[in-house]
C-alpha atoms as a PDB file:
ATOM      1  CA  MET A   1     -40.556  72.155 -54.855  1.00  0.00           C
ATOM      2  CA  GLU A   2     -37.133  71.052 -55.261  1.00  0.00           C
ATOM      3  CA  LEU A   3     -34.525  72.881 -52.989  1.00  0.00           C
ATOM      4  CA  HIS A   4     -31.035  73.381 -53.201  1.00  0.00           C
ATOM      5  CA  TYR A   5     -28.458  74.750 -50.330  1.00  0.00           C
ATOM      6  CA  ARG A   6     -26.862  77.517 -51.176  1.00  0.00           C
ATOM      7  CA  GLY A   7     -23.838  77.968 -48.299  1.00  0.00           C
ATOM      8  CA  MET A   8     -23.289  81.537 -46.258  1.00  0.00           C
ATOM      9  CA  ASP A   9     -23.766  84.241 -48.737  1.00  0.00           C
ATOM     10  CA  GLY A  10     -27.477  85.679 -47.953  1.00  0.00           C
ATOM     11  CA  SER A  11     -30.440  83.123 -47.993  1.00  0.00           C
ATOM     12  CA  ASP A  12     -29.325  79.221 -47.468  1.00  0.00           C
ATOM     13  CA  ILE A  13     -32.235  77.628 -48.432  1.00  0.00           C
ATOM     14  CA  VAL A  14     -33.195  78.508 -52.762  1.00  0.00           C
ATOM     15  CA  ASP A  15     -35.996  76.901 -55.335  1.00  0.00           C
ATOM     16  CA  ALA A  16     -34.958  75.489 -58.206  1.00  0.00           C
ATOM     17  CA  GLY A  17     -35.129  78.860 -59.892  1.00  0.00           C
ATOM     18  CA  GLY A  18     -32.676  80.592 -57.154  1.00  0.00           C
ATOM     19  CA  VAL A  19     -35.338  82.570 -55.449  1.00  0.00           C
ATOM     20  CA  ALA A  20     -34.937  82.294 -51.937  1.00  0.00           C
ATOM     21  CA  VAL A  21     -37.559  80.850 -49.803  1.00  0.00           C
ATOM     22  CA  SER A  22     -35.911  81.016 -46.405  1.00  0.00           C
ATOM     23  CA  ASN A  23     -37.427  83.114 -43.632  1.00  0.00           C
ATOM     24  CA  LEU A  24     -34.620  83.364 -41.587  1.00  0.00           C
ATOM     25  CA  PHE A  25     -32.422  85.897 -42.067  1.00  0.00           C
ATOM     26  CA  ARG A  26     -30.842  86.876 -38.393  1.00  0.00           C
ATOM     27  CA  VAL A  27     -29.712  85.850 -35.016  1.00  0.00           C
ATOM     28  CA  THR A  28     -29.608  89.342 -32.881  1.00  0.00           C
ATOM     29  CA  PRO A  29     -28.140  88.241 -29.333  1.00  0.00           C
ATOM     30  CA  PHE A  30     -29.032  89.886 -26.055  1.00  0.00           C
ATOM     31  CA  MET A  31     -25.920  91.250 -24.350  1.00  0.00           C
ATOM     32  CA  HIS A  32     -26.891  92.323 -21.373  1.00  0.00           C
ATOM     33  CA  VAL A  33     -24.660  95.352 -19.551  1.00  0.00           C
ATOM     34  CA  PRO A  34     -24.130  97.401 -16.414  1.00  0.00           C
ATOM     35  CA  ASP A  35     -24.266 100.472 -18.641  1.00  0.00           C
ATOM     36  CA  ILE A  36     -26.046 100.932 -21.623  1.00  0.00           C
ATOM     37  CA  GLU A  37     -24.648 104.363 -22.266  1.00  0.00           C
ATOM     38  CA  ALA A  38     -21.127 103.120 -22.318  1.00  0.00           C
ATOM     39  CA  ALA A  39     -22.717 100.105 -24.578  1.00  0.00           C
ATOM     40  CA  ILE A  40     -23.769 101.980 -27.034  1.00  0.00           C
ATOM     41  CA  HIS A  41     -20.886 104.494 -27.079  1.00  0.00           C
ATOM     42  CA  PHE A  42     -18.429 101.077 -27.508  1.00  0.00           C
ATOM     43  CA  PHE A  43     -20.803  99.978 -30.327  1.00  0.00           C
ATOM     44  CA  THR A  44     -21.209 103.183 -32.583  1.00  0.00           C
ATOM     45  CA  GLN A  45     -17.923 105.280 -31.511  1.00  0.00           C
ATOM     46  CA  ILE A  46     -15.485 102.126 -31.575  1.00  0.00           C
ATOM     47  CA  LEU A  47     -17.138  99.340 -33.792  1.00  0.00           C
ATOM     48  CA  GLY A  48     -19.079 101.276 -36.348  1.00  0.00           C
ATOM     49  CA  PHE A  49     -22.598 100.304 -35.229  1.00  0.00           C
ATOM     50  CA  GLU A  50     -25.592 102.422 -35.890  1.00  0.00           C
ATOM     51  CA  CYS A  51     -27.845 102.408 -32.770  1.00  0.00           C
ATOM     52  CA  ARG A  52     -31.094 101.872 -34.763  1.00  0.00           C
ATOM     53  CA  PHE A  53     -33.336 101.790 -31.753  1.00  0.00           C
ATOM     54  CA  ARG A  54     -33.432 102.892 -28.177  1.00  0.00           C
ATOM     55  CA  LEU A  55     -35.726 102.881 -25.484  1.00  0.00           C
ATOM     56  CA  GLY A  56     -34.538 103.335 -21.599  1.00  0.00           C
ATOM     57  CA  ASN A  57     -32.345 100.798 -20.665  1.00  0.00           C
ATOM     58  CA  TYR A  58     -32.747  98.886 -24.195  1.00  0.00           C
ATOM     59  CA  ALA A  59     -31.070  99.492 -27.452  1.00  0.00           C
ATOM     60  CA  TYR A  60     -30.643  97.717 -30.612  1.00  0.00           C
ATOM     61  CA  VAL A  61     -27.428  98.303 -32.999  1.00  0.00           C
ATOM     62  CA  GLN A  62     -26.471  96.641 -36.129  1.00  0.00           C
ATOM     63  CA  ARG A  63     -24.039  96.723 -38.617  1.00  0.00           C
ATOM     64  CA  GLU A  64     -24.403  95.505 -42.047  1.00  0.00           C
ATOM     65  CA  ALA A  65     -26.343  91.986 -41.264  1.00  0.00           C
ATOM     66  CA  ALA A  66     -24.544  92.047 -37.403  1.00  0.00           C
ATOM     67  CA  ALA A  67     -27.027  93.273 -34.768  1.00  0.00           C
ATOM     68  CA  PHE A  68     -27.025  93.180 -31.177  1.00  0.00           C
ATOM     69  CA  ARG A  69     -29.756  93.765 -28.447  1.00  0.00           C
ATOM     70  CA  LEU A  70     -27.781  95.715 -25.695  1.00  0.00           C
ATOM     71  CA  LYS A  71     -30.134  95.386 -22.137  1.00  0.00           C
ATOM     72  CA  GLU A  72     -28.925  97.297 -19.103  1.00  0.00           C
ATOM     73  CA  ASN A  73     -29.216  95.519 -15.863  1.00  0.00           C
ATOM     74  CA  VAL A  74     -31.547  97.227 -12.885  1.00  0.00           C
ATOM     75  CA  GLY A  75     -30.127  95.599  -9.539  1.00  0.00           C
ATOM     76  CA  ASP A  76     -30.123  91.991  -9.760  1.00  0.00           C
ATOM     77  CA  ASP A  77     -32.489  91.075 -12.458  1.00  0.00           C
ATOM     78  CA  GLY A  78     -30.397  90.199 -15.820  1.00  0.00           C
ATOM     79  CA  ALA A  79     -27.452  87.656 -16.488  1.00  0.00           C
ATOM     80  CA  PRO A  80     -24.324  88.577 -14.809  1.00  0.00           C
ATOM     81  CA  PRO A  81     -21.388  91.001 -16.689  1.00  0.00           C
ATOM     82  CA  GLY A  82     -19.763  89.859 -19.060  1.00  0.00           C
ATOM     83  CA  ASN A  83     -16.320  87.981 -18.253  1.00  0.00           C
ATOM     84  CA  ARG A  84     -13.991  87.541 -21.442  1.00  0.00           C
ATOM     85  CA  ARG A  85     -15.743  84.182 -22.030  1.00  0.00           C
ATOM     86  CA  PHE A  86     -16.567  83.407 -25.985  1.00  0.00           C
ATOM     87  CA  CYS A  87     -20.081  84.817 -26.158  1.00  0.00           C
ATOM     88  CA  TYR A  88     -20.431  86.760 -29.363  1.00  0.00           C
ATOM     89  CA  TYR A  89     -18.724  85.597 -32.723  1.00  0.00           C
ATOM     90  CA  VAL A  90     -19.470  87.776 -35.556  1.00  0.00           C
ATOM     91  CA  ASP A  91     -18.657  85.767 -38.758  1.00  0.00           C
ATOM     92  CA  VAL A  92     -16.819  88.841 -41.355  1.00  0.00           C
ATOM     93  CA  ASN A  93     -15.368  88.501 -45.077  1.00  0.00           C
ATOM     94  CA  ASP A  94     -12.192  90.725 -44.026  1.00  0.00           C
ATOM     95  CA  VAL A  95     -11.264  90.922 -40.260  1.00  0.00           C
ATOM     96  CA  ASP A  96      -7.750  93.264 -41.732  1.00  0.00           C
ATOM     97  CA  ALA A  97     -10.419  95.353 -42.790  1.00  0.00           C
ATOM     98  CA  ILE A  98     -12.199  95.376 -39.429  1.00  0.00           C
ATOM     99  CA  ALA A  99      -8.934  95.548 -36.982  1.00  0.00           C
ATOM    100  CA  ALA A 100      -7.792  98.316 -39.923  1.00  0.00           C
ATOM    101  CA  GLU A 101     -11.106 100.530 -38.682  1.00  0.00           C
ATOM    102  CA  ILE A 102     -10.912  99.465 -34.906  1.00  0.00           C
ATOM    103  CA  LEU A 103      -7.504  99.843 -34.120  1.00  0.00           C
ATOM    104  CA  PRO A 104      -6.891 103.565 -34.177  1.00  0.00           C
ATOM    105  CA  LYS A 105      -9.383 103.559 -31.827  1.00  0.00           C
ATOM    106  CA  ALA A 106      -7.533 101.216 -29.276  1.00  0.00           C
ATOM    107  CA  THR A 107      -6.508 104.107 -26.725  1.00  0.00           C
ATOM    108  CA  LEU A 108      -9.938 104.816 -26.237  1.00  0.00           C
ATOM    109  CA  LEU A 109     -10.155 101.027 -24.383  1.00  0.00           C
ATOM    110  CA  ASN A 110      -8.054  99.138 -21.885  1.00  0.00           C
ATOM    111  CA  ASP A 111      -4.746  97.977 -22.417  1.00  0.00           C
ATOM    112  CA  GLY A 112      -5.097  94.649 -23.448  1.00  0.00           C
ATOM    113  CA  ASP A 113      -8.893  95.195 -24.634  1.00  0.00           C
ATOM    114  CA  ILE A 114      -8.145  94.181 -28.418  1.00  0.00           C
ATOM    115  CA  HIS A 115      -5.917  91.144 -29.438  1.00  0.00           C
ATOM    116  CA  GLY A 116      -5.523  90.187 -32.929  1.00  0.00           C
ATOM    117  CA  PRO A 117      -6.141  89.765 -35.968  1.00  0.00           C
ATOM    118  CA  VAL A 118      -4.481  86.353 -35.603  1.00  0.00           C
ATOM    119  CA  ASP A 119      -4.943  83.199 -37.405  1.00  0.00           C
ATOM    120  CA  GLN A 120      -6.220  80.390 -34.848  1.00  0.00           C
ATOM    121  CA  ILE A 121      -5.129  76.457 -35.864  1.00  0.00           C
ATOM    122  CA  TYR A 122      -9.130  75.937 -36.491  1.00  0.00           C
ATOM    123  CA  GLY A 123      -9.103  77.844 -39.223  1.00  0.00           C
ATOM    124  CA  GLN A 124     -10.082  81.265 -38.373  1.00  0.00           C
ATOM    125  CA  ARG A 125      -8.226  84.440 -38.613  1.00  0.00           C
ATOM    126  CA  GLU A 126      -9.703  86.779 -35.432  1.00  0.00           C
ATOM    127  CA  LEU A 127      -9.769  89.514 -33.957  1.00  0.00           C
ATOM    128  CA  MET A 128     -10.853  89.464 -30.330  1.00  0.00           C
ATOM    129  CA  VAL A 129     -12.020  92.328 -28.365  1.00  0.00           C
ATOM    130  CA  VAL A 130     -13.034  93.398 -24.918  1.00  0.00           C
ATOM    131  CA  ALA A 131     -16.286  95.994 -24.473  1.00  0.00           C
ATOM    132  CA  PRO A 132     -16.329  97.689 -21.736  1.00  0.00           C
ATOM    133  CA  ASP A 133     -18.155  95.527 -19.369  1.00  0.00           C
ATOM    134  CA  GLY A 134     -16.102  92.860 -20.017  1.00  0.00           C
ATOM    135  CA  ASN A 135     -17.886  90.930 -22.462  1.00  0.00           C
ATOM    136  CA  LEU A 136     -16.019  89.547 -25.626  1.00  0.00           C
ATOM    137  CA  LEU A 137     -16.673  89.906 -28.961  1.00  0.00           C
ATOM    138  CA  VAL A 138     -14.606  88.172 -31.740  1.00  0.00           C
ATOM    139  CA  PHE A 139     -14.662  88.746 -35.532  1.00  0.00           C
ATOM    140  CA  GLY A 140     -13.526  85.674 -37.657  1.00  0.00           C
ATOM    141  CA  GLN A 141     -12.817  85.008 -40.830  1.00  0.00           C
ATOM    142  CA  ASP A 142     -12.094  81.246 -42.877  1.00  0.00           C
ATOM    143  CA  VAL A 143      -8.775  81.688 -43.284  1.00  0.00           C
ATOM    144  CA  ALA A 144      -9.240  80.133 -46.566  1.00  0.00           C
ATOM    145  CA  LEU A 145     -10.882  83.280 -48.079  1.00  0.00           C
ATOM    146  CA  LYS A 146      -8.339  85.264 -50.177  1.00  0.00           C
ATOM    147  CA  ARG A 147      -6.682  88.142 -48.403  1.00  0.00           C
ATOM    148  CA  ASP A 148      -4.336  90.881 -49.956  1.00  0.00           C
END
């Protein structure tokens, strides 16, 4: 069977007839948080994600093809709280549309927790949002993609 690389739209590998043959379709990173309720609120009310599953101190949130697994730390278990490092990068087609949704909700966050969108020297247009626990989420778009 001859395979062709198709790129970032949909499945990356298709057969000669254009049928997707790739089995992998999403990476869902775990984000360790000190307060599961605050994290769910941030993702659903600020970023527009949907909580698709919740059990105790675990939640699965998803928006389109992007998803996160939120896990509340109990005591000393899990990872240390966020420290504003680039840990979570979400590729988007229109970062300005994401900004237009989020910026009206900026008053619900601390001053300085939203930065951008801004064109970076490495060819991405990015919107950076700091979650209540200090984790940094970046929404990025290839600047070569057409914007209005």
